[in-house]
Amino acid sequence: MIGNDGVALRDRILAALFERLRASESTLVADAEVSEQLAAQVDWILDRTFDRLGRPGGVERPTAPAAHGSGVGEKRARQNIHPVDSLSAATVLFDVAFSIISADQDTDVSPADLARALNASIMSAVVPASVGYVNVLLERLAVAHSEERLGISRELHDRVAHSIAAGLQRFQLGGIDAASDPRLREGVQLFSAALDETRAIALDLRHAVGDKRLDEALHDYVGDLDDSGPPVETTVEGAPYRLSTGVQEEAFIIVREAVHNARRHSGAERIRVHSHWDRRSLTISVSDNGHGFAHETVRSGALGLIAAQERAELIGAELEIVPGLGTGTTLTLTIPRDRESE
C-alpha cells in the first residue's frame, strides 16, 4: 500500500525528475508546452502505478491527458523531439520514482512489487507512444514518396514519353509499311510498346490513397486502368477501416505495382484484388491466372521484389509471393491492425 500522502509523493517525484532532466539539458524541459505535457504524462503513469500497488489517500484519478498513448509520440514527432529524449526521461522517471516511493516510511510495498508496477506503468505509456512516433515518420515518408512519384510521373510523361513519341513519328513519316525492312518494322513496334509502357507507368505513379481509405483508393485505381491489359476485379470481405496514412500509402504502392506487373508480364486473362478486413489484420491478395514463374527463375537481386519486401517490412507487414508455374501468381500482403485504431 502506498503511503497516505500520495500528493506529496507525486510532487516530489515531479520535482526530482525535472531537476535531473534540466541538469542533462533534456529537450523535454526546454519548452513550457512540452514540460506541461510531460507532467501530465507522469501523473498518468503514477496513477497507473498507484492502481497496481494500492491507491493512497488524497490522490484522485486524473483525467487522461489531451495527448496520451500514441498521441504522445505523434505530438513529439511533430515537435521534432528525438525519441532518445523520451526514452531517457522514462529511465530517469523509473529511478526517481523508485527511490522516492521506496524511501517513504508510510509505504508498505516490497521493492520487487514496486519495480514491477513502475515498469509496467511506464511501458504502457512508452510502447504506444513509440508507435505514434513511427506513424508520423511513415506519414512524412509517404508524403515524400508521393511528391517524388509525381515528379517522376511528370518527367516520364513530359520528357521520356514525348521523346519516344517524336522518334516514333519520324519513323512513321518515313513510310513504314509491310514491304519495309522487318528489322525496321520490329523497331517501330518496340517504340510503340515502350511508349505505351511509359504512359502507363506515368499514370500509375499519379495514383495515391490521400484522404481515402485504402479499399476506396484501390477501387478507384482499378477503375482508371486502360484496356491495354487484362481486366482487374476488386472484391472486399469484411468492414474496411482507416489505417494510418503511412501504412495505407506503402500498402497501396505494393498492390499497385503487383497489379501493374501482372497486367504487363503475366499473360493472364484476368486479375483479382481481394481484401479481407477483420479486427486483427488486413490481408490483400493480388492473383492472376497467367503463366506464372518458377522460384529458381527469379533473380535474387530483382529490384521489384526487393522494393516490395522493404516496403512491407517498413509497415510491419508480411509479404508472400506464390509463383505457380503455369497456374498463375498470387501476392499476399498481411498488415496487422494497430490496436489504438479500433
C-alpha atoms as a PDB file:
ATOM      1  CA  MET A   1       0.000   0.000   0.000  1.00  0.00           C
ATOM      2  CA  ILE A   2       1.294   3.459  -0.939  1.00  0.00           C
ATOM      3  CA  GLY A   3       1.587   5.983   1.879  1.00  0.00           C
ATOM      4  CA  ASN A   4      -1.357   8.230   2.669  1.00  0.00           C
ATOM      5  CA  ASP A   5       0.211  11.442   1.380  1.00  0.00           C
ATOM      6  CA  GLY A   6       0.204  10.500  -2.300  1.00  0.00           C
ATOM      7  CA  VAL A   7       0.013  14.116  -3.450  1.00  0.00           C
ATOM      8  CA  ALA A   8       3.303  14.921  -1.727  1.00  0.00           C
ATOM      9  CA  LEU A   9       4.915  11.824  -3.255  1.00  0.00           C
ATOM     10  CA  ARG A  10       3.815  12.838  -6.716  1.00  0.00           C
ATOM     11  CA  ASP A  11       5.068  16.413  -6.273  1.00  0.00           C
ATOM     12  CA  ARG A  12       8.440  15.205  -5.016  1.00  0.00           C
ATOM     13  CA  ILE A  13       8.793  12.798  -7.941  1.00  0.00           C
ATOM     14  CA  LEU A  14       7.949  15.510 -10.463  1.00  0.00           C
ATOM     15  CA  ALA A  15      10.370  17.972  -8.860  1.00  0.00           C
ATOM     16  CA  ALA A  16      13.228  15.446  -8.799  1.00  0.00           C
ATOM     17  CA  LEU A  17      12.520  14.320 -12.369  1.00  0.00           C
ATOM     18  CA  PHE A  18      12.525  17.855 -13.747  1.00  0.00           C
ATOM     19  CA  GLU A  19      15.684  18.728 -11.827  1.00  0.00           C
ATOM     20  CA  ARG A  20      17.553  15.783 -13.361  1.00  0.00           C
ATOM     21  CA  LEU A  21      16.219  16.486 -16.842  1.00  0.00           C
ATOM     22  CA  ARG A  22      17.286  20.127 -16.638  1.00  0.00           C
ATOM     23  CA  ALA A  23      20.755  19.045 -15.492  1.00  0.00           C
ATOM     24  CA  SER A  24      21.038  16.840 -18.595  1.00  0.00           C
ATOM     25  CA  GLU A  25      19.633  19.644 -20.811  1.00  0.00           C
ATOM     26  CA  SER A  26      16.756  17.478 -21.995  1.00  0.00           C
ATOM     27  CA  THR A  27      14.553  18.995 -24.708  1.00  0.00           C
ATOM     28  CA  LEU A  28      11.521  17.825 -22.715  1.00  0.00           C
ATOM     29  CA  VAL A  29      12.010  20.647 -20.179  1.00  0.00           C
ATOM     30  CA  ALA A  30      13.285  23.338 -22.553  1.00  0.00           C
ATOM     31  CA  ASP A  31       9.794  24.419 -23.610  1.00  0.00           C
ATOM     32  CA  ALA A  32       6.824  25.261 -21.367  1.00  0.00           C
ATOM     33  CA  GLU A  33       4.261  23.415 -23.501  1.00  0.00           C
ATOM     34  CA  VAL A  34       6.373  20.247 -23.723  1.00  0.00           C
ATOM     35  CA  SER A  35       7.099  20.395 -19.978  1.00  0.00           C
ATOM     36  CA  GLU A  36       3.377  20.613 -19.252  1.00  0.00           C
ATOM     37  CA  GLN A  37       2.739  17.586 -21.468  1.00  0.00           C
ATOM     38  CA  LEU A  38       5.463  15.659 -19.654  1.00  0.00           C
ATOM     39  CA  ALA A  39       3.997  16.498 -16.238  1.00  0.00           C
ATOM     40  CA  ALA A  40       0.581  15.241 -17.380  1.00  0.00           C
ATOM     41  CA  GLN A  41       2.168  12.026 -18.621  1.00  0.00           C
ATOM     42  CA  VAL A  42       3.988  11.474 -15.327  1.00  0.00           C
ATOM     43  CA  ASP A  43       0.701  11.972 -13.471  1.00  0.00           C
ATOM     44  CA  TRP A  44      -0.892   9.352 -15.731  1.00  0.00           C
ATOM     45  CA  ILE A  45       1.969   6.868 -15.173  1.00  0.00           C
ATOM     46  CA  LEU A  46       1.995   7.355 -11.372  1.00  0.00           C
ATOM     47  CA  ASP A  47      -1.766   6.923 -11.312  1.00  0.00           C
ATOM     48  CA  ARG A  48      -1.423   3.552 -13.028  1.00  0.00           C
ATOM     49  CA  THR A  49       1.315   2.628 -10.552  1.00  0.00           C
ATOM     50  CA  PHE A  50      -0.898   3.594  -7.587  1.00  0.00           C
ATOM     51  CA  ASP A  51      -3.678   1.427  -9.044  1.00  0.00           C
ATOM     52  CA  ARG A  52      -1.369  -1.555  -9.134  1.00  0.00           C
ATOM     53  CA  LEU A  53       0.011  -1.057  -5.618  1.00  0.00           C
ATOM     54  CA  GLY A  54      -2.949   0.417  -3.755  1.00  0.00           C
ATOM     55  CA  ARG A  55      -4.210   3.951  -4.195  1.00  0.00           C
ATOM     56  CA  PRO A  56      -3.046   6.363  -1.447  1.00  0.00           C
ATOM     57  CA  GLY A  57      -5.388   8.711   0.333  1.00  0.00           C
ATOM     58  CA  GLY A  58      -5.891  12.188  -1.102  1.00  0.00           C
ATOM     59  CA  VAL A  59      -4.995  11.136  -4.656  1.00  0.00           C
ATOM     60  CA  GLU A  60      -7.851  11.199  -7.130  1.00  0.00           C
ATOM     61  CA  ARG A  61      -7.701   9.553 -10.537  1.00  0.00           C
ATOM     62  CA  PRO A  62      -6.584  12.220 -13.025  1.00  0.00           C
ATOM     63  CA  THR A  63      -8.304  12.567 -16.367  1.00  0.00           C
ATOM     64  CA  ALA A  64      -6.304  11.250 -19.301  1.00  0.00           C
ATOM     65  CA  PRO A  65      -4.020  13.970 -20.702  1.00  0.00           C
ATOM     66  CA  ALA A  66      -5.026  15.502 -24.028  1.00  0.00           C
ATOM     67  CA  ALA A  67      -2.131  13.655 -25.660  1.00  0.00           C
ATOM     68  CA  HIS A  68      -1.751  10.151 -24.327  1.00  0.00           C
ATOM     69  CA  GLY A  69      -0.969   6.745 -25.756  1.00  0.00           C
ATOM     70  CA  SER A  70       0.127   7.033 -29.383  1.00  0.00           C
ATOM     71  CA  GLY A  71      -0.879  10.707 -29.252  1.00  0.00           C
ATOM     72  CA  VAL A  72       2.205  11.484 -27.171  1.00  0.00           C
ATOM     73  CA  GLY A  73       4.542  10.036 -29.781  1.00  0.00           C
ATOM     74  CA  GLU A  74       2.715  11.786 -32.611  1.00  0.00           C
ATOM     75  CA  LYS A  75       2.907  15.144 -30.834  1.00  0.00           C
ATOM     76  CA  ARG A  76       6.604  14.789 -30.006  1.00  0.00           C
ATOM     77  CA  ALA A  77       7.427  13.718 -33.544  1.00  0.00           C
ATOM     78  CA  ARG A  78       5.712  16.852 -34.864  1.00  0.00           C
ATOM     79  CA  GLN A  79       7.632  18.893 -32.271  1.00  0.00           C
ATOM     80  CA  ASN A  80      10.861  17.309 -33.621  1.00  0.00           C
ATOM     81  CA  ILE A  81      11.751  15.815 -30.239  1.00  0.00           C
ATOM     82  CA  HIS A  82      14.069  12.851 -30.664  1.00  0.00           C
ATOM     83  CA  PRO A  83      12.741   9.566 -29.186  1.00  0.00           C
ATOM     84  CA  VAL A  84      16.009   9.142 -27.278  1.00  0.00           C
ATOM     85  CA  ASP A  85      14.968  12.082 -25.084  1.00  0.00           C
ATOM     86  CA  SER A  86      11.661  10.412 -24.246  1.00  0.00           C
ATOM     87  CA  LEU A  87      13.290   7.050 -23.501  1.00  0.00           C
ATOM     88  CA  SER A  88      15.932   8.726 -21.338  1.00  0.00           C
ATOM     89  CA  ALA A  89      13.205  10.539 -19.408  1.00  0.00           C
ATOM     90  CA  ALA A  90      11.397   7.227 -18.862  1.00  0.00           C
ATOM     91  CA  THR A  91      14.593   5.741 -17.408  1.00  0.00           C
ATOM     92  CA  VAL A  92      15.094   8.740 -15.114  1.00  0.00           C
ATOM     93  CA  LEU A  93      11.435   8.578 -14.018  1.00  0.00           C
ATOM     94  CA  PHE A  94      11.804   4.937 -13.014  1.00  0.00           C
ATOM     95  CA  ASP A  95      14.936   5.706 -10.986  1.00  0.00           C
ATOM     96  CA  VAL A  96      13.464   8.788  -9.273  1.00  0.00           C
ATOM     97  CA  ALA A  97      10.039   7.268  -8.551  1.00  0.00           C
ATOM     98  CA  PHE A  98      11.511   4.020  -7.247  1.00  0.00           C
ATOM     99  CA  SER A  99      13.901   5.861  -4.897  1.00  0.00           C
ATOM    100  CA  ILE A 100      11.286   8.260  -3.510  1.00  0.00           C
ATOM    101  CA  ILE A 101       8.425   5.774  -3.092  1.00  0.00           C
ATOM    102  CA  SER A 102      10.583   3.024  -1.573  1.00  0.00           C
ATOM    103  CA  ALA A 103      12.103   5.521   0.899  1.00  0.00           C
ATOM    104  CA  ASP A 104       8.681   6.699   2.073  1.00  0.00           C
ATOM    105  CA  GLN A 105       8.143   5.427   5.634  1.00  0.00           C
ATOM    106  CA  ASP A 106       4.366   5.102   5.206  1.00  0.00           C
ATOM    107  CA  THR A 107       4.668   2.925   2.102  1.00  0.00           C
ATOM    108  CA  ASP A 108       4.368  -0.809   2.686  1.00  0.00           C
ATOM    109  CA  VAL A 109       5.385  -2.256  -0.695  1.00  0.00           C
ATOM    110  CA  SER A 110       8.177  -4.699  -1.485  1.00  0.00           C
ATOM    111  CA  PRO A 111      10.937  -3.409  -3.798  1.00  0.00           C
ATOM    112  CA  ALA A 112      10.144  -6.143  -6.318  1.00  0.00           C
ATOM    113  CA  ASP A 113       6.423  -5.266  -6.457  1.00  0.00           C
ATOM    114  CA  LEU A 114       7.253  -1.567  -6.748  1.00  0.00           C
ATOM    115  CA  ALA A 115       9.730  -2.182  -9.584  1.00  0.00           C
ATOM    116  CA  ARG A 116       7.244  -4.340 -11.489  1.00  0.00           C
ATOM    117  CA  ALA A 117       4.413  -1.827 -11.083  1.00  0.00           C
ATOM    118  CA  LEU A 118       6.553   1.135 -12.160  1.00  0.00           C
ATOM    119  CA  ASN A 119       7.971  -0.718 -15.142  1.00  0.00           C
ATOM    120  CA  ALA A 120       4.535  -1.887 -16.310  1.00  0.00           C
ATOM    121  CA  SER A 121       3.068   1.617 -15.970  1.00  0.00           C
ATOM    122  CA  ILE A 122       5.954   3.291 -17.790  1.00  0.00           C
ATOM    123  CA  MET A 123       5.921   0.733 -20.610  1.00  0.00           C
ATOM    124  CA  SER A 124       2.167   1.098 -21.013  1.00  0.00           C
ATOM    125  CA  ALA A 125       2.912   4.713 -21.966  1.00  0.00           C
ATOM    126  CA  VAL A 126       6.188   4.211 -23.852  1.00  0.00           C
ATOM    127  CA  VAL A 127       5.068   1.460 -26.261  1.00  0.00           C
ATOM    128  CA  PRO A 128       2.009   3.195 -27.777  1.00  0.00           C
ATOM    129  CA  ALA A 129       3.912   6.499 -27.838  1.00  0.00           C
ATOM    130  CA  SER A 130       6.653   4.801 -29.881  1.00  0.00           C
ATOM    131  CA  VAL A 131       4.027   3.516 -32.312  1.00  0.00           C
ATOM    132  CA  GLY A 132       2.621   7.027 -32.660  1.00  0.00           C
ATOM    133  CA  TYR A 133       6.089   8.432 -33.317  1.00  0.00           C
ATOM    134  CA  VAL A 134       6.736   5.869 -36.058  1.00  0.00           C
ATOM    135  CA  ASN A 135       3.342   6.595 -37.642  1.00  0.00           C
ATOM    136  CA  VAL A 136       4.272  10.265 -38.054  1.00  0.00           C
ATOM    137  CA  LEU A 137       7.578   9.277 -39.660  1.00  0.00           C
ATOM    138  CA  LEU A 138       5.695   6.960 -42.020  1.00  0.00           C
ATOM    139  CA  GLU A 139       3.341   9.805 -42.915  1.00  0.00           C
ATOM    140  CA  ARG A 140       6.292  12.046 -43.726  1.00  0.00           C
ATOM    141  CA  LEU A 141       7.837   9.277 -45.790  1.00  0.00           C
ATOM    142  CA  ALA A 142       4.550   8.752 -47.629  1.00  0.00           C
ATOM    143  CA  VAL A 143       4.342  12.458 -48.459  1.00  0.00           C
ATOM    144  CA  ALA A 144       7.938  12.436 -49.680  1.00  0.00           C
ATOM    145  CA  HIS A 145       7.247   9.343 -51.787  1.00  0.00           C
ATOM    146  CA  SER A 146       4.092  10.954 -53.183  1.00  0.00           C
ATOM    147  CA  GLU A 147       5.941  14.102 -54.209  1.00  0.00           C
ATOM    148  CA  GLU A 148       8.743  12.012 -55.681  1.00  0.00           C
ATOM    149  CA  ARG A 149       6.276   9.870 -57.627  1.00  0.00           C
ATOM    150  CA  LEU A 150       4.532  12.927 -59.063  1.00  0.00           C
ATOM    151  CA  GLY A 151       7.875  14.365 -60.115  1.00  0.00           C
ATOM    152  CA  ILE A 152       8.883  11.120 -61.814  1.00  0.00           C
ATOM    153  CA  SER A 153       5.451  10.895 -63.446  1.00  0.00           C
ATOM    154  CA  ARG A 154       5.842  14.370 -64.927  1.00  0.00           C
ATOM    155  CA  GLU A 155       9.344  13.549 -66.192  1.00  0.00           C
ATOM    156  CA  LEU A 156       8.134  10.313 -67.795  1.00  0.00           C
ATOM    157  CA  HIS A 157       5.141  11.963 -69.440  1.00  0.00           C
ATOM    158  CA  ASP A 158       6.656  15.295 -70.462  1.00  0.00           C
ATOM    159  CA  ARG A 159      10.149  14.206 -71.445  1.00  0.00           C
ATOM    160  CA  VAL A 160      10.560  10.446 -71.881  1.00  0.00           C
ATOM    161  CA  ALA A 161       7.176   9.697 -73.487  1.00  0.00           C
ATOM    162  CA  HIS A 162       7.420  12.837 -75.625  1.00  0.00           C
ATOM    163  CA  SER A 163      10.867  11.825 -76.910  1.00  0.00           C
ATOM    164  CA  ILE A 164       9.694   8.292 -77.726  1.00  0.00           C
ATOM    165  CA  ALA A 165       6.606   9.652 -79.492  1.00  0.00           C
ATOM    166  CA  ALA A 166       8.736  12.075 -81.523  1.00  0.00           C
ATOM    167  CA  GLY A 167      11.100   9.273 -82.581  1.00  0.00           C
ATOM    168  CA  LEU A 168       8.178   7.032 -83.481  1.00  0.00           C
ATOM    169  CA  GLN A 169       6.623   9.799 -85.558  1.00  0.00           C
ATOM    170  CA  ARG A 170       9.814  10.188 -87.596  1.00  0.00           C
ATOM    171  CA  PHE A 171       9.803   6.506 -88.411  1.00  0.00           C
ATOM    172  CA  GLN A 172       6.170   6.677 -89.440  1.00  0.00           C
ATOM    173  CA  LEU A 173       6.745   9.743 -91.604  1.00  0.00           C
ATOM    174  CA  GLY A 174       9.481   7.774 -93.349  1.00  0.00           C
ATOM    175  CA  GLY A 175       6.819   5.490 -94.803  1.00  0.00           C
ATOM    176  CA  ILE A 176       6.999   2.264 -92.804  1.00  0.00           C
ATOM    177  CA  ASP A 177       4.798  -0.398 -94.437  1.00  0.00           C
ATOM    178  CA  ALA A 178       4.595  -4.150 -94.935  1.00  0.00           C
ATOM    179  CA  ALA A 179       7.352  -4.002 -97.532  1.00  0.00           C
ATOM    180  CA  SER A 180       9.814  -2.285 -95.225  1.00  0.00           C
ATOM    181  CA  ASP A 181      12.810  -3.990 -93.670  1.00  0.00           C
ATOM    182  CA  PRO A 182      11.471  -6.413 -90.974  1.00  0.00           C
ATOM    183  CA  ARG A 183      14.037  -5.092 -88.514  1.00  0.00           C
ATOM    184  CA  LEU A 184      12.722  -1.594 -89.083  1.00  0.00           C
ATOM    185  CA  ARG A 185       9.146  -2.708 -88.536  1.00  0.00           C
ATOM    186  CA  GLU A 186      10.205  -4.509 -85.373  1.00  0.00           C
ATOM    187  CA  GLY A 187      11.905  -1.322 -84.157  1.00  0.00           C
ATOM    188  CA  VAL A 188       8.700   0.643 -84.667  1.00  0.00           C
ATOM    189  CA  GLN A 189       6.751  -1.972 -82.719  1.00  0.00           C
ATOM    190  CA  LEU A 190       9.259  -1.740 -79.877  1.00  0.00           C
ATOM    191  CA  PHE A 191       8.937   2.047 -79.899  1.00  0.00           C
ATOM    192  CA  SER A 192       5.136   1.766 -79.705  1.00  0.00           C
ATOM    193  CA  ALA A 193       5.310  -0.737 -76.838  1.00  0.00           C
ATOM    194  CA  ALA A 194       7.800   1.442 -74.956  1.00  0.00           C
ATOM    195  CA  LEU A 195       5.559   4.473 -75.396  1.00  0.00           C
ATOM    196  CA  ASP A 196       2.514   2.593 -74.070  1.00  0.00           C
ATOM    197  CA  GLU A 197       4.510   1.265 -71.108  1.00  0.00           C
ATOM    198  CA  THR A 198       5.919   4.697 -70.267  1.00  0.00           C
ATOM    199  CA  ARG A 199       2.494   6.336 -70.352  1.00  0.00           C
ATOM    200  CA  ALA A 200       1.021   3.536 -68.212  1.00  0.00           C
ATOM    201  CA  ILE A 201       3.771   3.908 -65.592  1.00  0.00           C
ATOM    202  CA  ALA A 202       3.346   7.695 -65.567  1.00  0.00           C
ATOM    203  CA  LEU A 203      -0.386   7.270 -64.954  1.00  0.00           C
ATOM    204  CA  ASP A 204       0.162   4.656 -62.229  1.00  0.00           C
ATOM    205  CA  LEU A 205       2.580   6.922 -60.376  1.00  0.00           C
ATOM    206  CA  ARG A 206      -0.081   9.617 -60.065  1.00  0.00           C
ATOM    207  CA  HIS A 207      -2.371   7.402 -58.010  1.00  0.00           C
ATOM    208  CA  ALA A 208      -2.205   7.583 -54.203  1.00  0.00           C
ATOM    209  CA  VAL A 209      -4.508   6.985 -51.242  1.00  0.00           C
ATOM    210  CA  GLY A 210      -4.659  10.570 -49.982  1.00  0.00           C
ATOM    211  CA  ASP A 211      -7.787  11.212 -47.905  1.00  0.00           C
ATOM    212  CA  LYS A 212      -9.467   7.971 -48.957  1.00  0.00           C
ATOM    213  CA  ARG A 213      -9.499   4.597 -47.250  1.00  0.00           C
ATOM    214  CA  LEU A 214      -7.222   2.018 -48.791  1.00  0.00           C
ATOM    215  CA  ASP A 215     -10.105  -0.024 -50.235  1.00  0.00           C
ATOM    216  CA  GLU A 216     -11.533   3.106 -51.889  1.00  0.00           C
ATOM    217  CA  ALA A 217      -8.154   4.058 -53.377  1.00  0.00           C
ATOM    218  CA  LEU A 218      -7.653   0.558 -54.813  1.00  0.00           C
ATOM    219  CA  HIS A 219     -11.159   0.567 -56.291  1.00  0.00           C
ATOM    220  CA  ASP A 220     -10.560   3.962 -57.939  1.00  0.00           C
ATOM    221  CA  TYR A 221      -7.147   2.902 -59.234  1.00  0.00           C
ATOM    222  CA  VAL A 222      -8.559  -0.225 -60.862  1.00  0.00           C
ATOM    223  CA  GLY A 223     -11.426   1.817 -62.307  1.00  0.00           C
ATOM    224  CA  ASP A 224      -8.966   4.154 -64.039  1.00  0.00           C
ATOM    225  CA  LEU A 225      -6.973   1.373 -65.734  1.00  0.00           C
ATOM    226  CA  ASP A 226      -6.990   1.378 -69.543  1.00  0.00           C
ATOM    227  CA  ASP A 227      -7.814  -1.519 -71.857  1.00  0.00           C
ATOM    228  CA  SER A 228      -4.204  -2.375 -72.671  1.00  0.00           C
ATOM    229  CA  GLY A 229      -4.142  -5.298 -70.243  1.00  0.00           C
ATOM    230  CA  PRO A 230      -6.425  -7.945 -68.763  1.00  0.00           C
ATOM    231  CA  PRO A 231      -9.408  -6.792 -66.683  1.00  0.00           C
ATOM    232  CA  VAL A 232      -8.903  -6.360 -62.939  1.00  0.00           C
ATOM    233  CA  GLU A 233     -11.610  -7.157 -60.379  1.00  0.00           C
ATOM    234  CA  THR A 234     -11.664  -5.829 -56.820  1.00  0.00           C
ATOM    235  CA  THR A 235     -13.532  -7.664 -54.055  1.00  0.00           C
ATOM    236  CA  VAL A 236     -13.875  -6.767 -50.389  1.00  0.00           C
ATOM    237  CA  GLU A 237     -14.656  -9.042 -47.450  1.00  0.00           C
ATOM    238  CA  GLY A 238     -15.391  -7.605 -44.006  1.00  0.00           C
ATOM    239  CA  ALA A 239     -15.802  -3.994 -42.903  1.00  0.00           C
ATOM    240  CA  PRO A 240     -12.983  -1.714 -44.145  1.00  0.00           C
ATOM    241  CA  TYR A 241     -11.400   0.719 -41.676  1.00  0.00           C
ATOM    242  CA  ARG A 242      -8.863   3.503 -41.975  1.00  0.00           C
ATOM    243  CA  LEU A 243      -5.206   2.663 -41.412  1.00  0.00           C
ATOM    244  CA  SER A 244      -2.538   5.224 -40.590  1.00  0.00           C
ATOM    245  CA  THR A 245      -1.536   7.399 -43.546  1.00  0.00           C
ATOM    246  CA  GLY A 246       1.940   5.947 -43.924  1.00  0.00           C
ATOM    247  CA  VAL A 247       0.732   2.343 -43.772  1.00  0.00           C
ATOM    248  CA  GLN A 248      -2.027   2.960 -46.330  1.00  0.00           C
ATOM    249  CA  GLU A 249       0.306   4.625 -48.823  1.00  0.00           C
ATOM    250  CA  GLU A 250       3.012   1.953 -48.630  1.00  0.00           C
ATOM    251  CA  ALA A 251       0.441  -0.863 -48.907  1.00  0.00           C
ATOM    252  CA  PHE A 252      -1.162   0.862 -51.895  1.00  0.00           C
ATOM    253  CA  ILE A 253       2.186   1.077 -53.703  1.00  0.00           C
ATOM    254  CA  ILE A 254       2.859  -2.646 -53.134  1.00  0.00           C
ATOM    255  CA  VAL A 255      -0.559  -3.635 -54.509  1.00  0.00           C
ATOM    256  CA  ARG A 256      -0.390  -1.143 -57.384  1.00  0.00           C
ATOM    257  CA  GLU A 257       2.981  -2.486 -58.524  1.00  0.00           C
ATOM    258  CA  ALA A 258       1.715  -6.066 -58.267  1.00  0.00           C
ATOM    259  CA  VAL A 259      -1.280  -5.228 -60.471  1.00  0.00           C
ATOM    260  CA  HIS A 260       0.915  -3.368 -62.952  1.00  0.00           C
ATOM    261  CA  ASN A 261       3.352  -6.276 -63.258  1.00  0.00           C
ATOM    262  CA  ALA A 262       0.554  -8.815 -63.612  1.00  0.00           C
ATOM    263  CA  ARG A 263      -1.089  -6.813 -66.417  1.00  0.00           C
ATOM    264  CA  ARG A 264       2.156  -6.304 -68.307  1.00  0.00           C
ATOM    265  CA  HIS A 265       4.009  -9.574 -67.827  1.00  0.00           C
ATOM    266  CA  SER A 266       1.795 -12.441 -66.628  1.00  0.00           C
ATOM    267  CA  GLY A 267      -0.110 -13.184 -69.819  1.00  0.00           C
ATOM    268  CA  ALA A 268      -3.205 -13.514 -67.633  1.00  0.00           C
ATOM    269  CA  GLU A 269      -6.801 -13.311 -68.805  1.00  0.00           C
ATOM    270  CA  ARG A 270      -7.979 -11.852 -65.518  1.00  0.00           C
ATOM    271  CA  ILE A 271      -6.572 -10.408 -62.294  1.00  0.00           C
ATOM    272  CA  ARG A 272      -8.265 -10.221 -58.903  1.00  0.00           C
ATOM    273  CA  VAL A 273      -7.510  -7.904 -55.978  1.00  0.00           C
ATOM    274  CA  HIS A 274      -9.197  -9.246 -52.854  1.00  0.00           C
ATOM    275  CA  SER A 275      -9.037  -7.587 -49.432  1.00  0.00           C
ATOM    276  CA  HIS A 276     -10.118  -9.314 -46.232  1.00  0.00           C
ATOM    277  CA  TRP A 277     -10.691  -6.986 -43.276  1.00  0.00           C
ATOM    278  CA  ASP A 278     -11.067  -8.293 -39.741  1.00  0.00           C
ATOM    279  CA  ARG A 279     -10.410  -6.985 -36.235  1.00  0.00           C
ATOM    280  CA  ARG A 280      -6.842  -8.259 -36.091  1.00  0.00           C
ATOM    281  CA  SER A 281      -5.449  -7.676 -39.554  1.00  0.00           C
ATOM    282  CA  LEU A 282      -5.959  -6.749 -43.187  1.00  0.00           C
ATOM    283  CA  THR A 283      -4.996  -9.261 -45.874  1.00  0.00           C
ATOM    284  CA  ILE A 284      -4.787  -8.173 -49.504  1.00  0.00           C
ATOM    285  CA  SER A 285      -4.122 -10.678 -52.286  1.00  0.00           C
ATOM    286  CA  VAL A 286      -3.371  -9.969 -55.932  1.00  0.00           C
ATOM    287  CA  SER A 287      -3.859 -13.123 -58.009  1.00  0.00           C
ATOM    288  CA  ASP A 288      -3.812 -13.851 -61.732  1.00  0.00           C
ATOM    289  CA  ASN A 289      -4.294 -16.901 -63.965  1.00  0.00           C
ATOM    290  CA  GLY A 290      -1.231 -16.200 -66.087  1.00  0.00           C
ATOM    291  CA  HIS A 291       1.792 -18.325 -66.919  1.00  0.00           C
ATOM    292  CA  GLY A 292       3.427 -17.727 -63.520  1.00  0.00           C
ATOM    293  CA  PHE A 293       7.100 -18.474 -62.968  1.00  0.00           C
ATOM    294  CA  ALA A 294       9.355 -20.856 -61.090  1.00  0.00           C
ATOM    295  CA  HIS A 295      11.196 -19.836 -57.920  1.00  0.00           C
ATOM    296  CA  GLU A 296      14.545 -20.676 -59.465  1.00  0.00           C
ATOM    297  CA  THR A 297      13.952 -18.252 -62.363  1.00  0.00           C
ATOM    298  CA  VAL A 298      13.670 -15.248 -60.043  1.00  0.00           C
ATOM    299  CA  ARG A 299      16.917 -13.344 -59.676  1.00  0.00           C
ATOM    300  CA  SER A 300      17.912 -12.862 -56.031  1.00  0.00           C
ATOM    301  CA  GLY A 301      18.515  -9.181 -56.727  1.00  0.00           C
ATOM    302  CA  ALA A 302      15.255  -8.472 -58.573  1.00  0.00           C
ATOM    303  CA  LEU A 303      14.596  -4.844 -57.670  1.00  0.00           C
ATOM    304  CA  GLY A 304      10.799  -5.074 -57.805  1.00  0.00           C
ATOM    305  CA  LEU A 305      10.649  -7.901 -55.274  1.00  0.00           C
ATOM    306  CA  ILE A 306      13.248  -6.264 -53.038  1.00  0.00           C
ATOM    307  CA  ALA A 307      11.365  -2.942 -53.030  1.00  0.00           C
ATOM    308  CA  ALA A 308       8.055  -4.665 -52.220  1.00  0.00           C
ATOM    309  CA  GLN A 309       9.653  -6.626 -49.381  1.00  0.00           C
ATOM    310  CA  GLU A 310      11.295  -3.486 -47.968  1.00  0.00           C
ATOM    311  CA  ARG A 311       8.009  -1.587 -48.057  1.00  0.00           C
ATOM    312  CA  ALA A 312       6.229  -4.452 -46.297  1.00  0.00           C
ATOM    313  CA  GLU A 313       8.864  -4.583 -43.557  1.00  0.00           C
ATOM    314  CA  LEU A 314       8.640  -0.812 -43.147  1.00  0.00           C
ATOM    315  CA  ILE A 315       4.980  -1.034 -42.130  1.00  0.00           C
ATOM    316  CA  GLY A 316       5.348  -4.247 -40.111  1.00  0.00           C
ATOM    317  CA  ALA A 317       3.526  -6.343 -42.707  1.00  0.00           C
ATOM    318  CA  GLU A 318       4.200  -9.813 -44.130  1.00  0.00           C
ATOM    319  CA  LEU A 319       4.591 -10.302 -47.881  1.00  0.00           C
ATOM    320  CA  GLU A 320       4.296 -13.687 -49.580  1.00  0.00           C
ATOM    321  CA  ILE A 321       4.540 -14.439 -53.296  1.00  0.00           C
ATOM    322  CA  VAL A 322       3.443 -17.827 -54.629  1.00  0.00           C
ATOM    323  CA  PRO A 323       4.633 -18.149 -58.249  1.00  0.00           C
ATOM    324  CA  GLY A 324       2.819 -21.206 -59.558  1.00  0.00           C
ATOM    325  CA  LEU A 325       4.462 -22.154 -62.843  1.00  0.00           C
ATOM    326  CA  GLY A 326       1.669 -22.408 -65.399  1.00  0.00           C
ATOM    327  CA  THR A 327      -1.059 -21.721 -62.838  1.00  0.00           C
ATOM    328  CA  GLY A 328      -0.658 -18.004 -62.167  1.00  0.00           C
ATOM    329  CA  THR A 329       0.855 -15.947 -59.379  1.00  0.00           C
ATOM    330  CA  THR A 330      -0.542 -14.780 -56.037  1.00  0.00           C
ATOM    331  CA  LEU A 331       0.913 -11.991 -53.924  1.00  0.00           C
ATOM    332  CA  THR A 332      -0.427 -11.762 -50.377  1.00  0.00           C
ATOM    333  CA  LEU A 333       0.139  -8.795 -48.072  1.00  0.00           C
ATOM    334  CA  THR A 334      -0.884  -9.153 -44.412  1.00  0.00           C
ATOM    335  CA  ILE A 335      -0.984  -5.991 -42.286  1.00  0.00           C
ATOM    336  CA  PRO A 336      -1.582  -6.271 -38.515  1.00  0.00           C
ATOM    337  CA  ARG A 337      -4.099  -3.776 -37.214  1.00  0.00           C
ATOM    338  CA  ASP A 338      -2.992  -1.051 -34.818  1.00  0.00           C
ATOM    339  CA  ARG A 339      -4.922  -1.714 -31.601  1.00  0.00           C
ATOM    340  CA  GLU A 340      -5.398   2.012 -30.959  1.00  0.00           C
ATOM    341  CA  SER A 341      -7.178   2.500 -34.295  1.00  0.00           C
ATOM    342  CA  GLU A 342     -10.143   0.386 -33.169  1.00  0.00           C
END
